[in-house]
Amino acid sequence: MTSVNAYLESLPDDDRKVLSRVMDTIRTNLPKGYEETTYGNKFIAYVIPLSRYPKTYNGHALQYVSLAKQKNFFTLYMMGPYGDAKTRKHLEDGFKKAGKKLDMGKSCVHFKSLDDLPLDVIGENVSRISVDAFIKAYEDSRRK
């Protein structure tokens, strides 16, 4: 596993600056209990560690938020809006109010620069789901 610092150091300066600003927003707003890690040299992840919740379907830590540099854009993977309609609506409304276009798939928000991302809205969204609430939502989804 690559360290977060090693992952960032592997990027060009401009990309590192963008990711660092988004990471600062995530770190400032992340509820207690999530941990920062990486998955190889692919992305930075904020997870519920296996020491807290080991009963995952694939043996990997539950990812709450992840951040990556892709070839032509950045991606912020957000499980809150993916799994909770109110949280997704909060994100959509926040982008609209900020005058930003939300480029989102199921859980991924794509952006090309910091100007595309209302960091305050991202921070508010990240802060919405505690570790306990995320575990409950995960367990509920596995019962369906």
C-alpha atoms as a PDB file:
ATOM      1  CA  MET A   1       0.000   0.000   0.000  1.00  0.00           C
ATOM      2  CA  THR A   2       1.320   3.404  -0.978  1.00  0.00           C
ATOM      3  CA  SER A   3       1.256   6.125   1.666  1.00  0.00           C
ATOM      4  CA  VAL A   4      -0.856   9.230   1.143  1.00  0.00           C
ATOM      5  CA  ASN A   5       2.295  11.341   0.940  1.00  0.00           C
ATOM      6  CA  ALA A   6       3.853   9.011  -1.644  1.00  0.00           C
ATOM      7  CA  TYR A   7       0.665   9.132  -3.714  1.00  0.00           C
ATOM      8  CA  LEU A   8       0.641  12.942  -3.624  1.00  0.00           C
ATOM      9  CA  GLU A   9       4.354  13.158  -4.418  1.00  0.00           C
ATOM     10  CA  SER A  10       3.783  11.035  -7.534  1.00  0.00           C
ATOM     11  CA  LEU A  11       1.558  13.772  -8.994  1.00  0.00           C
ATOM     12  CA  PRO A  12       2.486  16.983 -10.811  1.00  0.00           C
ATOM     13  CA  ASP A  13       2.480  20.079  -8.558  1.00  0.00           C
ATOM     14  CA  ASP A  14      -0.775  21.503  -9.941  1.00  0.00           C
ATOM     15  CA  ASP A  15      -2.638  18.223  -9.407  1.00  0.00           C
ATOM     16  CA  ARG A  16      -1.185  17.851  -5.922  1.00  0.00           C
ATOM     17  CA  LYS A  17      -2.401  21.351  -5.015  1.00  0.00           C
ATOM     18  CA  VAL A  18      -5.940  20.543  -6.134  1.00  0.00           C
ATOM     19  CA  LEU A  19      -6.067  17.262  -4.243  1.00  0.00           C
ATOM     20  CA  SER A  20      -4.525  18.853  -1.155  1.00  0.00           C
ATOM     21  CA  ARG A  21      -7.256  21.512  -1.016  1.00  0.00           C
ATOM     22  CA  VAL A  22      -9.996  18.906  -1.354  1.00  0.00           C
ATOM     23  CA  MET A  23      -8.278  16.716   1.242  1.00  0.00           C
ATOM     24  CA  ASP A  24      -8.147  19.647   3.668  1.00  0.00           C
ATOM     25  CA  THR A  25     -11.894  20.105   3.229  1.00  0.00           C
ATOM     26  CA  ILE A  26     -12.538  16.407   3.808  1.00  0.00           C
ATOM     27  CA  ARG A  27     -10.265  16.234   6.852  1.00  0.00           C
ATOM     28  CA  THR A  28     -11.840  19.327   8.419  1.00  0.00           C
ATOM     29  CA  ASN A  29     -15.363  17.938   8.061  1.00  0.00           C
ATOM     30  CA  LEU A  30     -14.905  14.184   8.384  1.00  0.00           C
ATOM     31  CA  PRO A  31     -16.749  12.721  11.382  1.00  0.00           C
ATOM     32  CA  LYS A  32     -14.613  10.966  13.994  1.00  0.00           C
ATOM     33  CA  GLY A  33     -13.801   7.321  13.339  1.00  0.00           C
ATOM     34  CA  TYR A  34     -12.945   7.441   9.657  1.00  0.00           C
ATOM     35  CA  GLU A  35      -9.284   7.003   8.703  1.00  0.00           C
ATOM     36  CA  GLU A  36      -7.264   8.303   5.775  1.00  0.00           C
ATOM     37  CA  THR A  37      -5.438   5.729   3.680  1.00  0.00           C
ATOM     38  CA  THR A  38      -4.645   4.864   0.091  1.00  0.00           C
ATOM     39  CA  TYR A  39      -5.459   2.003  -2.212  1.00  0.00           C
ATOM     40  CA  GLY A  40      -2.229   1.297  -4.015  1.00  0.00           C
ATOM     41  CA  ASN A  41      -1.245   4.176  -6.199  1.00  0.00           C
ATOM     42  CA  LYS A  42      -4.822   4.674  -7.377  1.00  0.00           C
ATOM     43  CA  PHE A  43      -6.564   6.953  -4.875  1.00  0.00           C
ATOM     44  CA  ILE A  44      -6.815   8.371  -1.383  1.00  0.00           C
ATOM     45  CA  ALA A  45      -9.623   6.943   0.722  1.00  0.00           C
ATOM     46  CA  TYR A  46     -11.400   7.811   3.946  1.00  0.00           C
ATOM     47  CA  VAL A  47     -12.595   4.540   5.400  1.00  0.00           C
ATOM     48  CA  ILE A  48     -14.001   2.769   8.398  1.00  0.00           C
ATOM     49  CA  PRO A  49     -10.982   0.666   9.375  1.00  0.00           C
ATOM     50  CA  LEU A  50     -11.289  -3.098   9.605  1.00  0.00           C
ATOM     51  CA  SER A  51     -10.340  -2.854  13.273  1.00  0.00           C
ATOM     52  CA  ARG A  52     -13.659  -1.022  13.816  1.00  0.00           C
ATOM     53  CA  TYR A  53     -15.801  -2.968  11.355  1.00  0.00           C
ATOM     54  CA  PRO A  54     -14.307  -6.165   9.894  1.00  0.00           C
ATOM     55  CA  LYS A  55     -17.527  -7.761   8.550  1.00  0.00           C
ATOM     56  CA  THR A  56     -17.367  -6.417   5.004  1.00  0.00           C
ATOM     57  CA  TYR A  57     -18.430  -8.466   2.002  1.00  0.00           C
ATOM     58  CA  ASN A  58     -14.973  -8.309   0.418  1.00  0.00           C
ATOM     59  CA  GLY A  59     -12.639  -8.050   3.415  1.00  0.00           C
ATOM     60  CA  HIS A  60     -11.737  -4.426   2.610  1.00  0.00           C
ATOM     61  CA  ALA A  61     -12.407  -1.412   4.777  1.00  0.00           C
ATOM     62  CA  LEU A  62     -15.674   0.390   4.044  1.00  0.00           C
ATOM     63  CA  GLN A  63     -14.936   3.456   1.936  1.00  0.00           C
ATOM     64  CA  TYR A  64     -16.895   6.577   2.762  1.00  0.00           C
ATOM     65  CA  VAL A  65     -15.112   9.139   0.581  1.00  0.00           C
ATOM     66  CA  SER A  66     -12.276   8.660  -1.921  1.00  0.00           C
ATOM     67  CA  LEU A  67     -10.327  11.064  -4.085  1.00  0.00           C
ATOM     68  CA  ALA A  68      -8.307  10.426  -7.228  1.00  0.00           C
ATOM     69  CA  LYS A  69      -6.581  12.055 -10.155  1.00  0.00           C
ATOM     70  CA  GLN A  70      -7.757  10.508 -13.393  1.00  0.00           C
ATOM     71  CA  LYS A  71      -6.248  11.091 -16.818  1.00  0.00           C
ATOM     72  CA  ASN A  72      -8.339  14.161 -17.728  1.00  0.00           C
ATOM     73  CA  PHE A  73     -10.097  15.095 -14.484  1.00  0.00           C
ATOM     74  CA  PHE A  74     -10.309  14.504 -10.745  1.00  0.00           C
ATOM     75  CA  THR A  75     -12.872  12.258  -9.099  1.00  0.00           C
ATOM     76  CA  LEU A  76     -14.395  12.500  -5.659  1.00  0.00           C
ATOM     77  CA  TYR A  77     -16.215   9.272  -4.756  1.00  0.00           C
ATOM     78  CA  MET A  78     -18.893   9.965  -2.154  1.00  0.00           C
ATOM     79  CA  MET A  79     -20.855   7.070  -0.700  1.00  0.00           C
ATOM     80  CA  GLY A  80     -23.128   9.361   1.323  1.00  0.00           C
ATOM     81  CA  PRO A  81     -25.003  10.754  -1.699  1.00  0.00           C
ATOM     82  CA  TYR A  82     -24.894   7.327  -3.360  1.00  0.00           C
ATOM     83  CA  GLY A  83     -26.650   5.596  -0.482  1.00  0.00           C
ATOM     84  CA  ASP A  84     -28.882   8.330   0.914  1.00  0.00           C
ATOM     85  CA  ALA A  85     -31.395  10.326  -1.137  1.00  0.00           C
ATOM     86  CA  LYS A  86     -31.456  13.271   1.307  1.00  0.00           C
ATOM     87  CA  THR A  87     -27.676  13.547   1.224  1.00  0.00           C
ATOM     88  CA  ARG A  88     -27.684  13.424  -2.576  1.00  0.00           C
ATOM     89  CA  LYS A  89     -30.342  16.138  -2.721  1.00  0.00           C
ATOM     90  CA  HIS A  90     -28.249  18.247  -0.340  1.00  0.00           C
ATOM     91  CA  LEU A  91     -25.279  17.881  -2.702  1.00  0.00           C
ATOM     92  CA  GLU A  92     -27.323  18.665  -5.818  1.00  0.00           C
ATOM     93  CA  ASP A  93     -28.961  21.696  -4.193  1.00  0.00           C
ATOM     94  CA  GLY A  94     -25.592  22.935  -2.927  1.00  0.00           C
ATOM     95  CA  PHE A  95     -24.033  22.800  -6.385  1.00  0.00           C
ATOM     96  CA  LYS A  96     -27.050  24.573  -7.887  1.00  0.00           C
ATOM     97  CA  LYS A  97     -27.010  27.311  -5.239  1.00  0.00           C
ATOM     98  CA  ALA A  98     -23.265  27.804  -5.805  1.00  0.00           C
ATOM     99  CA  GLY A  99     -23.855  28.128  -9.552  1.00  0.00           C
ATOM    100  CA  LYS A 100     -21.752  25.030 -10.296  1.00  0.00           C
ATOM    101  CA  LYS A 101     -22.539  22.172 -12.659  1.00  0.00           C
ATOM    102  CA  LEU A 102     -22.642  18.814 -10.879  1.00  0.00           C
ATOM    103  CA  ASP A 103     -21.003  16.139 -13.042  1.00  0.00           C
ATOM    104  CA  MET A 104     -21.937  13.043 -11.063  1.00  0.00           C
ATOM    105  CA  GLY A 105     -22.413   9.344 -11.669  1.00  0.00           C
ATOM    106  CA  LYS A 106     -23.732   7.029  -8.966  1.00  0.00           C
ATOM    107  CA  SER A 107     -21.116   7.986  -6.384  1.00  0.00           C
ATOM    108  CA  CYS A 108     -18.489   9.893  -8.318  1.00  0.00           C
ATOM    109  CA  VAL A 109     -18.221  13.645  -8.730  1.00  0.00           C
ATOM    110  CA  HIS A 110     -15.932  14.566 -11.622  1.00  0.00           C
ATOM    111  CA  PHE A 111     -14.236  17.957 -11.737  1.00  0.00           C
ATOM    112  CA  LYS A 112     -11.423  19.485 -13.769  1.00  0.00           C
ATOM    113  CA  SER A 113     -10.411  22.251 -11.373  1.00  0.00           C
ATOM    114  CA  LEU A 114     -11.174  23.626  -7.925  1.00  0.00           C
ATOM    115  CA  ASP A 115     -13.386  26.215  -9.621  1.00  0.00           C
ATOM    116  CA  ASP A 116     -15.789  23.376 -10.509  1.00  0.00           C
ATOM    117  CA  LEU A 117     -16.208  22.307  -6.882  1.00  0.00           C
ATOM    118  CA  PRO A 118     -18.017  24.218  -4.106  1.00  0.00           C
ATOM    119  CA  LEU A 119     -15.751  23.093  -1.264  1.00  0.00           C
ATOM    120  CA  ASP A 120     -18.151  24.291   1.433  1.00  0.00           C
ATOM    121  CA  VAL A 121     -20.877  22.045  -0.010  1.00  0.00           C
ATOM    122  CA  ILE A 122     -18.464  19.109  -0.194  1.00  0.00           C
ATOM    123  CA  GLY A 123     -17.471  19.704   3.433  1.00  0.00           C
ATOM    124  CA  GLU A 124     -21.085  19.879   4.603  1.00  0.00           C
ATOM    125  CA  ASN A 125     -21.867  16.701   2.691  1.00  0.00           C
ATOM    126  CA  VAL A 126     -18.903  14.816   4.138  1.00  0.00           C
ATOM    127  CA  SER A 127     -19.905  15.828   7.664  1.00  0.00           C
ATOM    128  CA  ARG A 128     -23.428  14.381   7.368  1.00  0.00           C
ATOM    129  CA  ILE A 129     -22.879  10.667   8.070  1.00  0.00           C
ATOM    130  CA  SER A 130     -21.250   9.324  11.222  1.00  0.00           C
ATOM    131  CA  VAL A 131     -19.379   6.031  11.267  1.00  0.00           C
ATOM    132  CA  ASP A 132     -22.245   4.365  13.160  1.00  0.00           C
ATOM    133  CA  ALA A 133     -24.821   5.659  10.667  1.00  0.00           C
ATOM    134  CA  PHE A 134     -22.695   4.506   7.724  1.00  0.00           C
ATOM    135  CA  ILE A 135     -22.293   1.025   9.232  1.00  0.00           C
ATOM    136  CA  LYS A 136     -26.061   0.813   9.792  1.00  0.00           C
ATOM    137  CA  ALA A 137     -26.752   1.863   6.193  1.00  0.00           C
ATOM    138  CA  TYR A 138     -24.227  -0.708   4.959  1.00  0.00           C
ATOM    139  CA  GLU A 139     -25.788  -3.473   7.055  1.00  0.00           C
ATOM    140  CA  ASP A 140     -29.298  -2.500   5.934  1.00  0.00           C
ATOM    141  CA  SER A 141     -28.186  -2.625   2.282  1.00  0.00           C
ATOM    142  CA  ARG A 142     -26.750  -6.120   2.740  1.00  0.00           C
ATOM    143  CA  ARG A 143     -30.086  -7.439   4.112  1.00  0.00           C
ATOM    144  CA  LYS A 144     -31.978  -6.489   0.918  1.00  0.00           C
END
